[in-house]
Amino acid sequence: MSPHRYLLILGSGADGEAQLARARAALAGEGRLLASSPVVTGASVVSGDPHRYANQAVLLETALARTAFNARLKALETELGRRPGDAACAIDLDLAREYAIDGEMRWENPAKLEHPLFEKLAAQVAPVR
């Protein structure tokens, strides 16, 4: 079975950078972290949200196919403290793109990259080809 490469957008409003470090450690248990952008901390990208967030993009290689991997991401969010209605968002692990081993993009969820901050972070780890 060939490996899959995924671009993820990570975000946390609760204990920001430390929570992203825990998320990266959990993700490393799911495969191989190939690249990560710097962590960017700032105001929410959602109008009217008063919280501050830490965000980062990572490129991960895993044996899991997209559907199974996305389900695993949701389970990891719960394990890392995410709860329904969590106003400050303990952790958000968003699957944004899938790449072939040669770097060509196979799939994209444009909604996960619609804000310029997320597009900038993504470009730092996996440019569009």
C-alpha atoms as a PDB file:
ATOM      1  CA  MET A   1       0.000   0.000   0.000  1.00  0.00           C
ATOM      2  CA  SER A   2       1.441   3.361  -0.980  1.00  0.00           C
ATOM      3  CA  PRO A   3       1.716   6.200   1.524  1.00  0.00           C
ATOM      4  CA  HIS A   4      -0.521   9.260   1.441  1.00  0.00           C
ATOM      5  CA  ARG A   5       0.659  12.829   2.024  1.00  0.00           C
ATOM      6  CA  TYR A   6      -1.671  15.326   3.632  1.00  0.00           C
ATOM      7  CA  LEU A   7      -1.563  19.034   4.293  1.00  0.00           C
ATOM      8  CA  LEU A   8      -3.172  19.864   7.623  1.00  0.00           C
ATOM      9  CA  ILE A   9      -4.066  23.219   9.122  1.00  0.00           C
ATOM     10  CA  LEU A  10      -3.757  23.142  12.908  1.00  0.00           C
ATOM     11  CA  GLY A  11      -5.325  25.688  15.215  1.00  0.00           C
ATOM     12  CA  SER A  12      -5.756  26.168  18.941  1.00  0.00           C
ATOM     13  CA  GLY A  13      -7.183  28.909  21.095  1.00  0.00           C
ATOM     14  CA  ALA A  14      -6.512  27.127  24.357  1.00  0.00           C
ATOM     15  CA  ASP A  15      -2.874  27.047  25.445  1.00  0.00           C
ATOM     16  CA  GLY A  16      -1.950  27.816  21.809  1.00  0.00           C
ATOM     17  CA  GLU A  17       1.626  26.836  21.034  1.00  0.00           C
ATOM     18  CA  ALA A  18       1.783  24.108  23.701  1.00  0.00           C
ATOM     19  CA  GLN A  19      -1.401  22.540  22.361  1.00  0.00           C
ATOM     20  CA  LEU A  20      -0.028  22.600  18.808  1.00  0.00           C
ATOM     21  CA  ALA A  21       3.106  20.836  20.077  1.00  0.00           C
ATOM     22  CA  ARG A  22       0.907  18.125  21.631  1.00  0.00           C
ATOM     23  CA  ALA A  23      -1.000  17.847  18.348  1.00  0.00           C
ATOM     24  CA  ARG A  24       2.224  17.451  16.332  1.00  0.00           C
ATOM     25  CA  ALA A  25       3.372  14.725  18.739  1.00  0.00           C
ATOM     26  CA  ALA A  26       0.045  12.908  18.334  1.00  0.00           C
ATOM     27  CA  LEU A  27       0.223  13.261  14.546  1.00  0.00           C
ATOM     28  CA  ALA A  28       3.765  11.847  14.553  1.00  0.00           C
ATOM     29  CA  GLY A  29       2.202   8.697  15.987  1.00  0.00           C
ATOM     30  CA  GLU A  30       0.035   8.450  12.869  1.00  0.00           C
ATOM     31  CA  GLY A  31       2.838   8.756  10.337  1.00  0.00           C
ATOM     32  CA  ARG A  32       5.858  10.839   9.436  1.00  0.00           C
ATOM     33  CA  LEU A  33       5.885  14.635   9.763  1.00  0.00           C
ATOM     34  CA  LEU A  34       7.602  15.875   6.609  1.00  0.00           C
ATOM     35  CA  ALA A  35       7.368  19.642   7.142  1.00  0.00           C
ATOM     36  CA  SER A  36       5.823  22.261   9.383  1.00  0.00           C
ATOM     37  CA  SER A  37       5.351  25.990   9.072  1.00  0.00           C
ATOM     38  CA  PRO A  38       6.169  28.384  11.880  1.00  0.00           C
ATOM     39  CA  VAL A  39       3.404  28.847  14.447  1.00  0.00           C
ATOM     40  CA  VAL A  40       1.498  32.103  13.948  1.00  0.00           C
ATOM     41  CA  THR A  41      -0.437  33.559  16.880  1.00  0.00           C
ATOM     42  CA  GLY A  42      -3.039  36.266  16.471  1.00  0.00           C
ATOM     43  CA  ALA A  43      -6.645  37.323  16.435  1.00  0.00           C
ATOM     44  CA  SER A  44      -9.296  34.970  15.083  1.00  0.00           C
ATOM     45  CA  VAL A  45      -9.851  34.954  11.331  1.00  0.00           C
ATOM     46  CA  VAL A  46     -13.605  34.795  12.049  1.00  0.00           C
ATOM     47  CA  SER A  47     -15.256  38.192  12.303  1.00  0.00           C
ATOM     48  CA  GLY A  48     -16.626  38.845  15.789  1.00  0.00           C
ATOM     49  CA  ASP A  49     -14.667  36.042  17.493  1.00  0.00           C
ATOM     50  CA  PRO A  50     -12.786  37.668  20.401  1.00  0.00           C
ATOM     51  CA  HIS A  51     -10.371  34.756  20.945  1.00  0.00           C
ATOM     52  CA  ARG A  52      -6.733  34.582  19.918  1.00  0.00           C
ATOM     53  CA  TYR A  53      -5.432  31.489  18.150  1.00  0.00           C
ATOM     54  CA  ALA A  54      -2.175  29.759  17.323  1.00  0.00           C
ATOM     55  CA  ASN A  55      -2.119  28.284  13.804  1.00  0.00           C
ATOM     56  CA  GLN A  56       0.289  26.133  11.840  1.00  0.00           C
ATOM     57  CA  ALA A  57       0.406  23.996   8.696  1.00  0.00           C
ATOM     58  CA  VAL A  58       2.020  20.564   8.600  1.00  0.00           C
ATOM     59  CA  LEU A  59       2.671  17.996   5.889  1.00  0.00           C
ATOM     60  CA  LEU A  60       2.233  14.420   7.088  1.00  0.00           C
ATOM     61  CA  GLU A  61       2.826  11.095   5.362  1.00  0.00           C
ATOM     62  CA  THR A  62       0.720   8.146   6.535  1.00  0.00           C
ATOM     63  CA  ALA A  63      -0.566   4.801   5.309  1.00  0.00           C
ATOM     64  CA  LEU A  64      -4.180   5.832   6.019  1.00  0.00           C
ATOM     65  CA  ALA A  65      -6.447   6.683   3.100  1.00  0.00           C
ATOM     66  CA  ARG A  66      -8.204  10.056   3.266  1.00  0.00           C
ATOM     67  CA  THR A  67     -11.551   8.910   4.737  1.00  0.00           C
ATOM     68  CA  ALA A  68      -9.889   6.824   7.455  1.00  0.00           C
ATOM     69  CA  PHE A  69      -7.350   9.555   8.180  1.00  0.00           C
ATOM     70  CA  ASN A  70     -10.026  12.237   8.478  1.00  0.00           C
ATOM     71  CA  ALA A  71     -11.888  10.041  10.990  1.00  0.00           C
ATOM     72  CA  ARG A  72      -8.623   9.587  12.903  1.00  0.00           C
ATOM     73  CA  LEU A  73      -8.116  13.380  12.980  1.00  0.00           C
ATOM     74  CA  LYS A  74     -11.549  13.831  14.599  1.00  0.00           C
ATOM     75  CA  ALA A  75     -10.667  11.196  17.210  1.00  0.00           C
ATOM     76  CA  LEU A  76      -7.340  12.953  17.900  1.00  0.00           C
ATOM     77  CA  GLU A  77      -9.159  16.268  18.398  1.00  0.00           C
ATOM     78  CA  THR A  78     -11.286  14.615  21.077  1.00  0.00           C
ATOM     79  CA  GLU A  79      -8.228  12.984  22.686  1.00  0.00           C
ATOM     80  CA  LEU A  80      -6.520  16.399  22.753  1.00  0.00           C
ATOM     81  CA  GLY A  81      -9.456  18.033  24.545  1.00  0.00           C
ATOM     82  CA  ARG A  82     -11.841  19.300  21.896  1.00  0.00           C
ATOM     83  CA  ARG A  83     -15.461  19.334  23.052  1.00  0.00           C
ATOM     84  CA  PRO A  84     -18.690  20.307  21.244  1.00  0.00           C
ATOM     85  CA  GLY A  85     -19.349  24.020  21.652  1.00  0.00           C
ATOM     86  CA  ASP A  86     -15.757  24.678  22.763  1.00  0.00           C
ATOM     87  CA  ALA A  87     -15.686  28.470  22.388  1.00  0.00           C
ATOM     88  CA  ALA A  88     -11.895  28.851  22.496  1.00  0.00           C
ATOM     89  CA  CYS A  89     -11.261  25.716  20.388  1.00  0.00           C
ATOM     90  CA  ALA A  90      -8.878  23.444  22.276  1.00  0.00           C
ATOM     91  CA  ILE A  91      -7.616  22.021  18.975  1.00  0.00           C
ATOM     92  CA  ASP A  92      -8.602  21.972  15.327  1.00  0.00           C
ATOM     93  CA  LEU A  93      -6.939  19.514  12.922  1.00  0.00           C
ATOM     94  CA  ASP A  94      -8.217  20.297   9.436  1.00  0.00           C
ATOM     95  CA  LEU A  95      -7.438  18.163   6.396  1.00  0.00           C
ATOM     96  CA  ALA A  96      -6.851  20.668   3.594  1.00  0.00           C
ATOM     97  CA  ARG A  97      -5.066  18.810   0.765  1.00  0.00           C
ATOM     98  CA  GLU A  98      -3.789  15.449  -0.361  1.00  0.00           C
ATOM     99  CA  TYR A  99      -0.631  15.141  -2.443  1.00  0.00           C
ATOM    100  CA  ALA A 100       0.854  12.369  -4.529  1.00  0.00           C
ATOM    101  CA  ILE A 101       4.337  11.239  -3.526  1.00  0.00           C
ATOM    102  CA  ASP A 102       5.773  13.333  -6.391  1.00  0.00           C
ATOM    103  CA  GLY A 103       4.160  16.460  -4.884  1.00  0.00           C
ATOM    104  CA  GLU A 104       1.258  16.836  -7.309  1.00  0.00           C
ATOM    105  CA  MET A 105      -1.973  17.852  -5.585  1.00  0.00           C
ATOM    106  CA  ARG A 106      -4.639  15.117  -5.743  1.00  0.00           C
ATOM    107  CA  TRP A 107      -7.438  16.667  -3.674  1.00  0.00           C
ATOM    108  CA  GLU A 108      -8.237  19.933  -1.919  1.00  0.00           C
ATOM    109  CA  ASN A 109     -10.849  21.226   0.512  1.00  0.00           C
ATOM    110  CA  PRO A 110     -10.870  24.931  -0.474  1.00  0.00           C
ATOM    111  CA  ALA A 111     -12.964  25.898   2.569  1.00  0.00           C
ATOM    112  CA  LYS A 112     -10.023  25.013   4.822  1.00  0.00           C
ATOM    113  CA  LEU A 113      -7.736  27.402   2.932  1.00  0.00           C
ATOM    114  CA  GLU A 114     -10.084  30.302   2.179  1.00  0.00           C
ATOM    115  CA  HIS A 115      -8.384  32.699   4.587  1.00  0.00           C
ATOM    116  CA  PRO A 116      -5.079  34.189   3.342  1.00  0.00           C
ATOM    117  CA  LEU A 117      -3.332  33.223   6.615  1.00  0.00           C
ATOM    118  CA  PHE A 118      -4.039  29.527   6.035  1.00  0.00           C
ATOM    119  CA  GLU A 119      -3.022  29.735   2.383  1.00  0.00           C
ATOM    120  CA  LYS A 120       0.261  31.402   3.421  1.00  0.00           C
ATOM    121  CA  LEU A 121       0.975  28.726   6.043  1.00  0.00           C
ATOM    122  CA  ALA A 122       0.133  25.980   3.534  1.00  0.00           C
ATOM    123  CA  ALA A 123       2.500  27.402   0.921  1.00  0.00           C
ATOM    124  CA  GLN A 124       5.356  27.199   3.430  1.00  0.00           C
ATOM    125  CA  VAL A 125       5.083  23.407   3.671  1.00  0.00           C
ATOM    126  CA  ALA A 126       3.488  22.233   0.420  1.00  0.00           C
ATOM    127  CA  PRO A 127       3.281  24.580  -2.568  1.00  0.00           C
ATOM    128  CA  VAL A 128       0.503  23.905  -5.061  1.00  0.00           C
ATOM    129  CA  ARG A 129       1.673  21.938  -8.118  1.00  0.00           C
END
